[in-house]
Amino acid sequence: MIHYLLQTIAFQLLFLVVYDLFLKKETFFTLNRMYLLGTVILSFILPLIQVEGIQHQIPSQYIIELPAILIGGIASETAVTAGSSAYVSPFRWEQIWYAGMLVATLLFIYKLINLFRLKKLGTSKKVENFTLIRLPKTNTAFSFFNYIFLGEDLSEAQKNNILLHEKVHVTHKHSYDLLFFEALRIVCWFNPLLYLYQQRMVSLQEFTADAKVAALNGKKTYYQDLLSQVFQTEQISFVNTFFSQSLIKKRISMLRKTKSKKIFQLKYLVLLPLVSAMLVYTSCSLENKEREPDTVAQHIAELKQALENGENLSEAEKETLQNMLRSHASQDDLNFDAKNNGTGESGAIPFVQLDKAPVFPGCEDVANEAENKKCFSQKVSEMIVNNFPNKELQAAGVSGRQRIVVEFTIDKTGYLGALTVRTNEPYLEAATREVFRKLPALTPGIHNGKDVAVAYKVPIIVEIDE
C-alpha cells in the first residue's frame, strides 16, 4: 500500500510540473480544467495498471528479488522465542491514516457549519437559476453551488460585477471540482500535492469567470474594479470567493494576456510520453504482491495463539512461523531501492521472460514455476542461515544489526556467476562471499529453449549479540 501511495504522489508531482511549465499560462481554461481533474484521477489509476506486453520487454539486467532473510535476533531456535523478541509498535500506520481522515472530516464539517450559519444570517431571494443571499454588515462575496453570497456593504456597481462573475461559477458547476479535491484531501490528508492541485483549480476557475465577465464589460474596466478594493472573504476552501489578495495579481495578469493560439494546444501531447513512461514503470514493478501484510500478520497470530494454547506445532509449521516472522519483521527495518540494479553479467534474463527458472537441488519435483520459485527461495535461505559464521563474526568484533544486500547470478551452466555484496563491514562481506560460494550446482534457467544466466538479489539482516 505504501508503495502504491508513493507512486501516486510521484505521478501527481510530474503532472503538476508539466502543468506549471507548459499549460498554466495558456488561456485554454476548459482544457486545463480537464487536465487537472483527469491527471489527478490518472495518478490513482496508473499504479494499478500493469501491461503484460511491456513486462515482457523490460531490460535483461533486471533482478529477481528474493524475500529478506533475518539471521539472529528473532530467528531463534523456537517460534515462541522468535515471536516474543520482536518489537510490535502499539500503533499501525493505518491507525494514523484513519485518525488523520477523522480530523480532516471534522474540519470539513466545521466549514459546512460556518457556511450554513452564514446562510441563516442572510436573506434569501431566488434569481434566475441561483439563490442570492444578502449578508448584513459585511462586504463578503462568494458562491457555493447555486448559492451566491453578497455582503450588503458592497456598492451597487460592485454587486453587479460580482453577480456576473459568480454566475459563471454557478453555470460551470465549479463547486463540484472543489468538493472533489476536498474529498481527496480528506482521504489523503498527508499528501501536500492535493492542496496544490486544489489551488491550481481555484486560480483556473477565477481566470475562467474573469474572462467571461471581461468579454462583456471590457478588460480595462474590469481589472480596474479588481484593483479598487480588496475585500474580506470567507476562508472556506471549497467556495468560490470573488476577492482574494493572493489571486488579484494573477487574475489581472491573466486578463491582460492575449488569447492563446490554437497551435499551443499541442502542448497537451506531452501527456502521451509522460503517461507511457509511467505505464512502463508500473508494469515493470517487481513489488511482491503474493501475500498481503494483513494476511501475514493474521497467519502469524494464529500460529502463536496455537502455541499459547498448548498445541504442538509440527516442524514444518515452526519453520513456516519463523520464515514469516523474519519476512514480516524485516519490512520495517528494510527500505530497499525500488530500482533493480544489474549484475553487469551479459545475458542475464529477468524472471518474467523465463520459460523455466533455475532449479535448486531438492526442488526438482515441484508442481509449477510458482512452487519452484518458493522452493528456490527456501533453499537459499536455509543455505545462508545454516552456513553463516555467527560465532566467528562475533569473535572478530562484529556486533549489532548489520544490513547486507547480495546480488548474484546463476550462470547458464548452473553455477554461481557474478557476485556482489554490499555492506559496511569488510569482514562481513568476506564471510558472506564465503557462504555464497557454497551454492551447489543448479539446473540453469531456460529461455527460448536455451540455457541462460539469471540474476537474483537477496537482502540479509544479521543480528549478532555483543
Protein backbone atom coordinates (compact mmCIF):
# COMPACT_ATOMS: atom_id res chain seq x y z
CA MET A 1 0.00 0.00 0.00
CA ILE A 2 2.81 2.43 0.88
CA HIS A 3 4.47 1.67 -2.47
CA TYR A 4 1.17 2.48 -4.23
CA LEU A 5 0.81 5.80 -2.38
CA LEU A 6 4.40 6.80 -3.17
CA GLN A 7 3.81 6.09 -6.85
CA THR A 8 0.61 8.14 -6.75
CA ILE A 9 2.37 11.11 -5.18
CA ALA A 10 5.28 10.86 -7.65
CA PHE A 11 2.89 10.82 -10.62
CA GLN A 12 0.96 13.81 -9.26
CA LEU A 13 4.22 15.73 -8.88
CA LEU A 14 5.14 15.04 -12.52
CA PHE A 15 1.68 16.07 -13.73
CA LEU A 16 1.85 19.33 -11.75
CA VAL A 17 5.34 20.11 -13.08
CA VAL A 18 4.05 19.69 -16.65
CA TYR A 19 1.05 21.91 -15.87
CA ASP A 20 3.19 24.68 -14.36
CA LEU A 21 5.81 24.59 -17.10
CA PHE A 22 3.61 24.26 -20.18
CA LEU A 23 -0.08 24.92 -19.52
CA LYS A 24 -0.73 27.25 -16.58
CA LYS A 25 -0.17 30.47 -18.54
CA GLU A 26 -2.30 29.46 -21.52
CA THR A 27 -5.91 30.64 -21.91
CA PHE A 28 -7.27 27.17 -22.67
CA PHE A 29 -9.30 27.20 -19.48
CA THR A 30 -11.63 24.30 -20.31
CA LEU A 31 -8.74 22.05 -21.39
CA ASN A 32 -6.75 22.98 -18.30
CA ARG A 33 -9.74 22.12 -16.13
CA MET A 34 -9.95 18.71 -17.80
CA TYR A 35 -6.19 18.29 -17.33
CA LEU A 36 -6.27 18.97 -13.59
CA LEU A 37 -9.24 16.68 -12.99
CA GLY A 38 -8.04 13.97 -15.36
CA THR A 39 -4.44 13.76 -14.21
CA VAL A 40 -5.28 13.54 -10.51
CA ILE A 41 -7.61 10.63 -11.33
CA LEU A 42 -4.94 9.05 -13.54
CA SER A 43 -2.41 9.28 -10.71
CA PHE A 44 -4.59 6.91 -8.65
CA ILE A 45 -5.30 4.53 -11.56
CA LEU A 46 -1.89 4.19 -13.25
CA PRO A 47 -0.13 2.42 -10.31
CA LEU A 48 -2.79 -0.31 -10.57
CA ILE A 49 -2.13 -0.95 -14.28
CA GLN A 50 0.43 -3.50 -15.39
CA VAL A 51 0.66 -4.05 -19.14
CA GLU A 52 1.82 -7.60 -19.74
CA GLY A 53 3.27 -6.72 -23.14
CA ILE A 54 5.55 -4.16 -21.51
CA GLN A 55 6.60 -6.64 -18.83
CA HIS A 56 7.98 -8.97 -21.50
CA GLN A 57 10.08 -6.15 -22.96
CA ILE A 58 11.88 -5.00 -19.81
CA PRO A 59 15.68 -4.91 -19.98
CA SER A 60 17.58 -8.11 -19.30
CA GLN A 61 19.62 -6.63 -16.45
CA TYR A 62 16.64 -6.62 -14.06
CA ILE A 63 17.00 -8.82 -11.00
CA ILE A 64 14.67 -11.25 -9.22
CA GLU A 65 14.43 -10.02 -5.62
CA LEU A 66 14.14 -12.84 -3.09
CA PRO A 67 12.45 -12.41 0.33
CA ALA A 68 14.57 -10.79 3.04
CA ILE A 69 16.44 -13.12 5.40
CA LEU A 70 16.98 -12.37 9.10
CA ILE A 71 19.82 -14.16 10.88
CA GLY A 72 19.91 -13.99 14.67
CA GLY A 73 17.58 -11.86 16.78
CA ILE A 74 14.06 -13.20 16.33
CA ALA A 75 15.36 -16.15 14.31
CA SER A 76 15.73 -18.26 17.44
CA GLU A 77 15.53 -21.98 17.85
CA THR A 78 11.80 -21.96 18.60
CA ALA A 79 8.97 -19.97 17.13
CA VAL A 80 7.85 -18.81 20.58
CA THR A 81 11.19 -17.18 21.31
CA ALA A 82 11.19 -15.71 17.84
CA GLY A 83 7.79 -14.15 18.29
CA SER A 84 8.48 -12.73 21.75
CA SER A 85 11.70 -10.98 20.76
CA ALA A 86 10.14 -8.87 18.02
CA TYR A 87 9.02 -5.38 18.95
CA VAL A 88 5.49 -4.63 17.85
CA SER A 89 4.55 -0.97 17.72
CA PRO A 90 1.31 -0.14 19.53
CA PHE A 91 0.29 1.97 16.52
CA ARG A 92 -0.12 0.83 12.95
CA TRP A 93 0.28 3.33 10.15
CA GLU A 94 -3.32 2.61 9.12
CA GLN A 95 -4.49 3.88 12.51
CA ILE A 96 -2.62 7.15 11.98
CA TRP A 97 -4.16 7.41 8.50
CA TYR A 98 -7.69 6.90 9.82
CA ALA A 99 -7.10 9.37 12.65
CA GLY A 100 -5.99 11.99 10.11
CA MET A 101 -9.06 11.28 7.98
CA LEU A 102 -11.25 11.77 11.03
CA VAL A 103 -9.65 15.14 11.82
CA ALA A 104 -9.94 16.24 8.17
CA THR A 105 -13.60 15.20 8.10
CA LEU A 106 -14.32 17.16 11.27
CA LEU A 107 -12.67 20.25 9.75
CA PHE A 108 -14.78 19.82 6.63
CA ILE A 109 -17.95 19.58 8.74
CA TYR A 110 -16.90 22.70 10.64
CA LYS A 111 -16.57 24.59 7.34
CA LEU A 112 -20.02 23.42 6.27
CA ILE A 113 -21.50 24.54 9.59
CA ASN A 114 -19.99 28.01 9.08
CA LEU A 115 -21.44 28.11 5.60
CA PHE A 116 -24.95 27.21 6.73
CA ARG A 117 -24.65 29.67 9.60
CA LEU A 118 -23.96 32.44 7.08
CA LYS A 119 -26.94 31.25 5.02
CA LYS A 120 -29.23 31.59 8.04
CA LEU A 121 -27.89 35.07 8.84
CA GLY A 122 -28.73 36.39 5.38
CA THR A 123 -31.92 36.98 3.46
CA SER A 124 -32.55 34.64 0.51
CA LYS A 125 -34.02 35.52 -2.85
CA LYS A 126 -34.48 33.27 -5.91
CA VAL A 127 -32.96 34.89 -9.01
CA GLU A 128 -32.86 33.08 -12.36
CA ASN A 129 -31.07 29.74 -11.81
CA PHE A 130 -29.45 30.63 -8.46
CA THR A 131 -30.33 31.79 -4.97
CA LEU A 132 -29.00 35.20 -3.89
CA ILE A 133 -28.22 35.52 -0.18
CA ARG A 134 -27.60 39.02 1.12
CA LEU A 135 -25.39 39.13 4.22
CA PRO A 136 -25.80 42.04 6.66
CA LYS A 137 -22.91 44.26 7.78
CA THR A 138 -20.21 42.66 5.62
CA ASN A 139 -18.57 43.00 2.21
CA THR A 140 -18.10 39.25 1.74
CA ALA A 141 -18.62 37.85 -1.76
CA PHE A 142 -18.52 34.17 -2.78
CA SER A 143 -20.60 31.36 -4.28
CA PHE A 144 -21.32 27.72 -3.41
CA PHE A 145 -23.22 25.55 -5.90
CA ASN A 146 -26.38 27.55 -6.76
CA TYR A 147 -25.98 29.99 -3.86
CA ILE A 148 -24.34 33.39 -4.29
CA PHE A 149 -23.47 35.26 -1.09
CA LEU A 150 -23.18 39.08 -1.26
CA GLY A 151 -22.43 41.47 1.58
CA GLU A 152 -24.79 44.45 1.92
CA ASP A 153 -21.82 46.81 2.37
CA LEU A 154 -20.86 46.38 -1.30
CA SER A 155 -21.83 49.17 -3.69
CA GLU A 156 -24.40 48.50 -6.39
CA ALA A 157 -21.75 48.70 -9.14
CA GLN A 158 -19.61 46.15 -7.30
CA LYS A 159 -22.60 43.88 -6.77
CA ASN A 160 -23.34 43.86 -10.49
CA ASN A 161 -19.80 42.79 -11.41
CA ILE A 162 -19.69 40.19 -8.65
CA LEU A 163 -23.04 38.72 -9.69
CA LEU A 164 -21.83 38.34 -13.27
CA HIS A 165 -18.62 36.74 -12.03
CA GLU A 166 -20.27 34.35 -9.57
CA LYS A 167 -22.95 33.36 -12.10
CA VAL A 168 -20.13 31.93 -14.23
CA HIS A 169 -19.08 29.72 -11.30
CA VAL A 170 -22.68 28.57 -10.86
CA THR A 171 -23.20 27.90 -14.59
CA HIS A 172 -19.95 25.96 -14.95
CA LYS A 173 -20.58 23.99 -11.73
CA HIS A 174 -17.18 24.87 -10.31
CA SER A 175 -18.19 23.84 -6.79
CA TYR A 176 -18.16 20.18 -7.88
CA ASP A 177 -14.47 20.47 -8.79
CA LEU A 178 -13.55 21.98 -5.43
CA LEU A 179 -15.57 19.43 -3.47
CA PHE A 180 -13.87 16.65 -5.44
CA PHE A 181 -10.46 17.88 -4.32
CA GLU A 182 -11.80 18.43 -0.81
CA ALA A 183 -12.79 14.74 -0.68
CA LEU A 184 -9.33 13.71 -1.90
CA ARG A 185 -7.77 15.93 0.78
CA ILE A 186 -9.79 14.13 3.43
CA VAL A 187 -8.77 10.65 2.26
CA CYS A 188 -5.14 11.58 1.51
CA TRP A 189 -4.71 14.35 4.10
CA PHE A 190 -0.96 13.69 4.25
CA ASN A 191 -0.43 14.45 0.55
CA PRO A 192 0.54 18.14 0.05
CA LEU A 193 0.22 17.86 -3.72
CA LEU A 194 -3.57 17.61 -3.48
CA TYR A 195 -3.59 21.03 -1.82
CA LEU A 196 -1.54 22.36 -4.74
CA TYR A 197 -3.97 20.76 -7.18
CA GLN A 198 -6.88 22.49 -5.46
CA GLN A 199 -5.06 25.84 -5.50
CA ARG A 200 -4.41 25.47 -9.24
CA MET A 201 -8.08 24.69 -9.78
CA VAL A 202 -9.22 27.73 -7.74
CA SER A 203 -6.98 30.02 -9.81
CA LEU A 204 -8.20 28.47 -13.05
CA GLN A 205 -11.84 28.94 -12.08
CA GLU A 206 -11.22 32.61 -11.31
CA PHE A 207 -9.48 33.07 -14.67
CA THR A 208 -12.45 31.45 -16.41
CA ALA A 209 -15.02 33.68 -14.69
CA ASP A 210 -12.90 36.81 -15.22
CA ALA A 211 -12.56 36.09 -18.94
CA LYS A 212 -16.34 35.69 -19.34
CA VAL A 213 -17.18 38.92 -17.49
CA ALA A 214 -14.37 40.94 -19.11
CA ALA A 215 -15.71 39.92 -22.52
CA LEU A 216 -18.99 41.63 -21.57
CA ASN A 217 -17.74 44.74 -19.75
CA GLY A 218 -14.29 45.26 -21.25
CA LYS A 219 -10.97 44.16 -19.76
CA LYS A 220 -9.71 47.59 -18.71
CA THR A 221 -12.83 48.49 -16.73
CA TYR A 222 -12.98 45.06 -15.11
CA TYR A 223 -9.43 44.88 -13.80
CA GLN A 224 -9.63 48.48 -12.59
CA ASP A 225 -12.58 47.34 -10.47
CA LEU A 226 -10.45 44.50 -9.14
CA LEU A 227 -7.72 46.93 -8.11
CA SER A 228 -10.12 49.37 -6.49
CA GLN A 229 -10.53 47.44 -3.25
CA VAL A 230 -9.62 44.09 -1.72
CA PHE A 231 -12.48 42.72 0.30
CA GLN A 232 -12.61 40.25 3.16
CA THR A 233 -13.53 36.71 2.19
CA GLU A 234 -14.67 33.62 4.00
CA GLN A 235 -11.74 31.21 4.38
CA ILE A 236 -13.54 28.13 3.12
CA SER A 237 -11.52 26.07 0.66
CA PHE A 238 -14.45 24.77 -1.40
CA VAL A 239 -16.28 28.05 -2.13
CA ASN A 240 -15.58 30.46 -4.99
CA THR A 241 -14.50 33.74 -3.40
CA PHE A 242 -14.66 36.84 -5.57
CA PHE A 243 -11.84 38.76 -3.94
CA SER A 244 -8.64 37.23 -2.65
CA GLN A 245 -5.41 39.14 -2.12
CA SER A 246 -3.25 36.24 -3.23
CA LEU A 247 -5.17 35.89 -6.51
CA ILE A 248 -5.73 39.52 -7.55
CA LYS A 249 -2.34 39.96 -9.23
CA LYS A 250 -2.59 36.64 -11.07
CA ARG A 251 -6.12 37.41 -12.27
CA ILE A 252 -5.15 40.81 -13.63
CA SER A 253 -2.07 39.31 -15.31
CA MET A 254 -4.20 36.64 -16.98
CA LEU A 255 -6.81 39.25 -18.05
CA ARG A 256 -4.10 41.23 -19.84
CA LYS A 257 -2.88 38.20 -21.77
CA THR A 258 -3.88 37.76 -25.38
CA LYS A 259 -5.82 34.63 -26.24
CA SER A 260 -3.50 31.64 -26.75
CA LYS A 261 -3.06 30.41 -30.30
CA LYS A 262 -4.62 27.04 -31.09
CA ILE A 263 -1.23 25.66 -32.14
CA PHE A 264 -0.24 25.79 -28.46
CA GLN A 265 -2.80 23.09 -27.75
CA LEU A 266 -0.12 20.69 -28.99
CA LYS A 267 1.49 21.15 -25.58
CA TYR A 268 -1.08 18.71 -24.20
CA LEU A 269 0.60 15.99 -26.28
CA VAL A 270 3.40 15.97 -23.69
CA LEU A 271 0.99 13.78 -21.70
CA LEU A 272 1.48 10.89 -24.12
CA PRO A 273 5.18 10.18 -23.41
CA LEU A 274 4.66 11.02 -19.73
CA VAL A 275 1.82 8.52 -19.24
CA SER A 276 3.68 5.94 -21.36
CA ALA A 277 6.73 6.24 -19.11
CA MET A 278 4.51 5.81 -16.05
CA LEU A 279 2.95 2.66 -17.55
CA VAL A 280 6.41 1.23 -18.24
CA TYR A 281 7.39 1.90 -14.64
CA THR A 282 4.27 0.36 -13.12
CA SER A 283 4.37 -2.63 -15.48
CA CYS A 284 7.98 -3.37 -14.63
CA SER A 285 7.50 -3.01 -10.89
CA LEU A 286 8.70 -6.12 -9.05
CA GLU A 287 6.80 -5.38 -5.86
CA ASN A 288 5.85 -8.64 -4.16
CA LYS A 289 2.06 -9.00 -4.17
CA GLU A 290 1.77 -12.67 -3.39
CA ARG A 291 0.75 -12.15 0.25
CA GLU A 292 -0.78 -9.04 1.78
CA PRO A 293 0.71 -7.81 5.11
CA ASP A 294 -2.62 -8.24 6.92
CA THR A 295 -2.79 -11.88 5.81
CA VAL A 296 0.76 -12.49 7.02
CA ALA A 297 0.05 -10.91 10.39
CA GLN A 298 -3.14 -12.94 10.74
CA HIS A 299 -1.34 -16.20 9.95
CA ILE A 300 1.43 -15.39 12.45
CA ALA A 301 -1.15 -14.57 15.12
CA GLU A 302 -2.98 -17.87 14.52
CA LEU A 303 0.19 -19.94 14.90
CA LYS A 304 1.30 -18.03 18.00
CA GLN A 305 -2.16 -18.49 19.54
CA ALA A 306 -1.92 -22.24 18.92
CA LEU A 307 1.38 -22.28 20.83
CA GLU A 308 -0.08 -20.32 23.71
CA ASN A 309 -2.99 -22.77 23.89
CA GLY A 310 -0.54 -25.60 24.41
CA GLU A 311 -0.88 -27.13 20.97
CA ASN A 312 2.18 -28.78 19.47
CA LEU A 313 3.28 -27.47 16.09
CA SER A 314 4.94 -29.69 13.58
CA GLU A 315 8.48 -28.90 12.48
CA ALA A 316 7.11 -27.64 9.18
CA GLU A 317 4.72 -25.27 10.99
CA LYS A 318 7.52 -23.98 13.23
CA GLU A 319 9.70 -23.35 10.21
CA THR A 320 6.83 -21.56 8.47
CA LEU A 321 6.29 -19.34 11.50
CA GLN A 322 9.99 -18.49 11.69
CA ASN A 323 10.14 -17.64 7.99
CA MET A 324 7.05 -15.43 8.22
CA LEU A 325 8.36 -13.65 11.29
CA ARG A 326 11.66 -12.95 9.56
CA SER A 327 9.97 -11.61 6.47
CA HIS A 328 7.29 -9.65 8.31
CA ALA A 329 9.59 -8.10 10.91
CA SER A 330 12.13 -7.05 8.35
CA GLN A 331 9.66 -4.92 6.43
CA ASP A 332 10.07 -2.07 8.92
CA ASP A 333 13.84 -2.48 9.03
CA LEU A 334 14.46 -2.51 5.32
CA ASN A 335 13.73 0.16 2.77
CA PHE A 336 15.39 -1.15 -0.32
CA ASP A 337 15.89 0.77 -3.53
CA ALA A 338 12.82 0.30 -5.72
CA LYS A 339 15.07 0.27 -8.75
CA ASN A 340 16.62 -3.05 -9.70
CA ASN A 341 20.30 -2.85 -10.46
CA GLY A 342 22.05 -5.05 -12.96
CA THR A 343 24.74 -7.53 -12.11
CA GLY A 344 26.78 -6.49 -15.07
CA GLU A 345 26.85 -10.02 -16.46
CA SER A 346 25.92 -10.17 -20.13
CA GLY A 347 22.88 -12.21 -21.00
CA ALA A 348 21.20 -12.29 -17.57
CA ILE A 349 17.47 -12.81 -18.06
CA PRO A 350 14.67 -11.37 -15.88
CA PHE A 351 12.24 -13.79 -14.25
CA VAL A 352 9.20 -12.60 -16.23
CA GLN A 353 10.88 -13.58 -19.51
CA LEU A 354 12.00 -17.05 -18.42
CA ASP A 355 10.44 -20.22 -19.75
CA LYS A 356 11.81 -22.01 -16.70
CA ALA A 357 13.67 -20.57 -13.71
CA PRO A 358 16.80 -22.21 -12.26
CA VAL A 359 16.06 -25.28 -10.11
CA PHE A 360 17.78 -25.78 -6.76
CA PRO A 361 18.74 -29.37 -5.85
CA GLY A 362 15.78 -30.88 -4.00
CA CYS A 363 13.22 -28.78 -5.88
CA GLU A 364 13.06 -30.95 -9.00
CA ASP A 365 9.63 -32.45 -8.24
CA VAL A 366 7.65 -29.23 -7.63
CA ALA A 367 4.36 -28.84 -9.49
CA ASN A 368 4.83 -25.47 -11.22
CA GLU A 369 7.00 -22.39 -11.57
CA ALA A 370 5.43 -20.64 -8.58
CA GLU A 371 6.32 -23.60 -6.36
CA ASN A 372 9.79 -23.73 -7.91
CA LYS A 373 10.35 -20.07 -7.04
CA LYS A 374 9.15 -20.67 -3.48
CA CYS A 375 11.35 -23.75 -3.10
CA PHE A 376 14.34 -21.86 -4.54
CA SER A 377 13.89 -19.04 -2.01
CA GLN A 378 13.56 -21.52 0.86
CA LYS A 379 16.69 -23.45 -0.13
CA VAL A 380 18.76 -20.28 -0.49
CA SER A 381 17.51 -19.11 2.91
CA GLU A 382 18.42 -22.45 4.52
CA MET A 383 21.86 -22.40 2.93
CA ILE A 384 22.58 -18.88 4.23
CA VAL A 385 21.24 -19.48 7.75
CA ASN A 386 22.98 -22.86 8.16
CA ASN A 387 26.36 -21.64 6.91
CA PHE A 388 26.56 -18.13 8.28
CA PRO A 389 29.53 -17.91 10.73
CA ASN A 390 27.82 -16.03 13.58
CA LYS A 391 30.33 -17.11 16.25
CA GLU A 392 33.33 -16.30 14.07
CA LEU A 393 31.90 -12.86 13.31
CA GLN A 394 31.25 -12.26 17.00
CA ALA A 395 34.82 -13.24 17.80
CA ALA A 396 36.04 -10.83 15.11
CA GLY A 397 34.27 -7.95 16.85
CA VAL A 398 31.27 -7.67 14.54
CA SER A 399 28.14 -6.94 16.59
CA GLY A 400 24.69 -5.41 16.46
CA ARG A 401 22.36 -5.35 13.48
CA GLN A 402 24.10 -5.41 10.12
CA ARG A 403 22.49 -4.95 6.72
CA ILE A 404 23.73 -6.85 3.68
CA VAL A 405 22.48 -6.79 0.10
CA VAL A 406 23.68 -9.63 -2.11
CA GLU A 407 23.32 -9.73 -5.89
CA PHE A 408 24.30 -12.97 -7.57
CA THR A 409 23.87 -14.73 -10.88
CA ILE A 410 23.24 -18.36 -11.67
CA ASP A 411 25.04 -18.69 -14.99
CA LYS A 412 23.96 -20.80 -17.95
CA THR A 413 25.95 -23.76 -16.65
CA GLY A 414 24.02 -23.68 -13.34
CA TYR A 415 26.95 -22.46 -11.22
CA LEU A 416 27.41 -19.23 -9.28
CA GLY A 417 28.45 -16.43 -11.63
CA ALA A 418 28.77 -12.75 -10.76
CA LEU A 419 28.57 -11.99 -7.04
CA THR A 420 28.21 -8.54 -5.46
CA VAL A 421 28.00 -7.99 -1.70
CA ARG A 422 27.13 -4.57 -0.29
CA THR A 423 27.74 -3.97 3.42
CA ASN A 424 29.63 -1.54 5.67
CA GLU A 425 31.69 -4.32 7.34
CA PRO A 426 34.60 -5.70 5.25
CA TYR A 427 34.81 -8.84 7.42
CA LEU A 428 31.07 -9.37 6.94
CA GLU A 429 31.45 -9.02 3.18
CA ALA A 430 34.17 -11.70 3.10
CA ALA A 431 32.07 -14.05 5.25
CA THR A 432 29.01 -13.55 3.03
CA ARG A 433 31.03 -14.28 -0.11
CA GLU A 434 32.29 -17.49 1.50
CA VAL A 435 28.70 -18.56 2.27
CA PHE A 436 27.52 -17.99 -1.31
CA ARG A 437 30.44 -19.93 -2.73
CA LYS A 438 28.80 -22.98 -1.13
CA LEU A 439 25.90 -22.75 -3.60
CA PRO A 440 25.59 -26.19 -5.25
CA ALA A 441 25.27 -26.74 -8.98
CA LEU A 442 21.72 -25.87 -10.09
CA THR A 443 19.69 -26.70 -13.15
CA PRO A 444 20.09 -23.48 -15.17
CA GLY A 445 17.21 -21.28 -16.29
CA ILE A 446 15.74 -21.73 -19.75
CA HIS A 447 14.64 -19.05 -22.21
CA ASN A 448 13.57 -19.77 -25.80
CA GLY A 449 14.80 -23.34 -25.38
CA LYS A 450 18.33 -22.30 -24.38
CA ASP A 451 20.17 -22.31 -21.04
CA VAL A 452 20.56 -18.73 -19.79
CA ALA A 453 22.04 -16.81 -16.85
CA VAL A 454 19.57 -15.48 -14.27
CA ALA A 455 20.23 -12.61 -11.83
CA TYR A 456 18.98 -12.52 -8.21
CA LYS A 457 19.02 -10.08 -5.31
CA VAL A 458 18.59 -11.05 -1.65
CA PRO A 459 18.60 -8.68 1.37
CA ILE A 460 20.00 -10.08 4.62
CA ILE A 461 19.81 -8.69 8.15
CA VAL A 462 22.31 -10.16 10.64
CA GLU A 463 21.83 -9.63 14.37
CA ILE A 464 24.97 -10.50 16.36
CA ASP A 465 24.94 -10.25 20.16
CA GLU A 466 27.74 -8.22 21.69
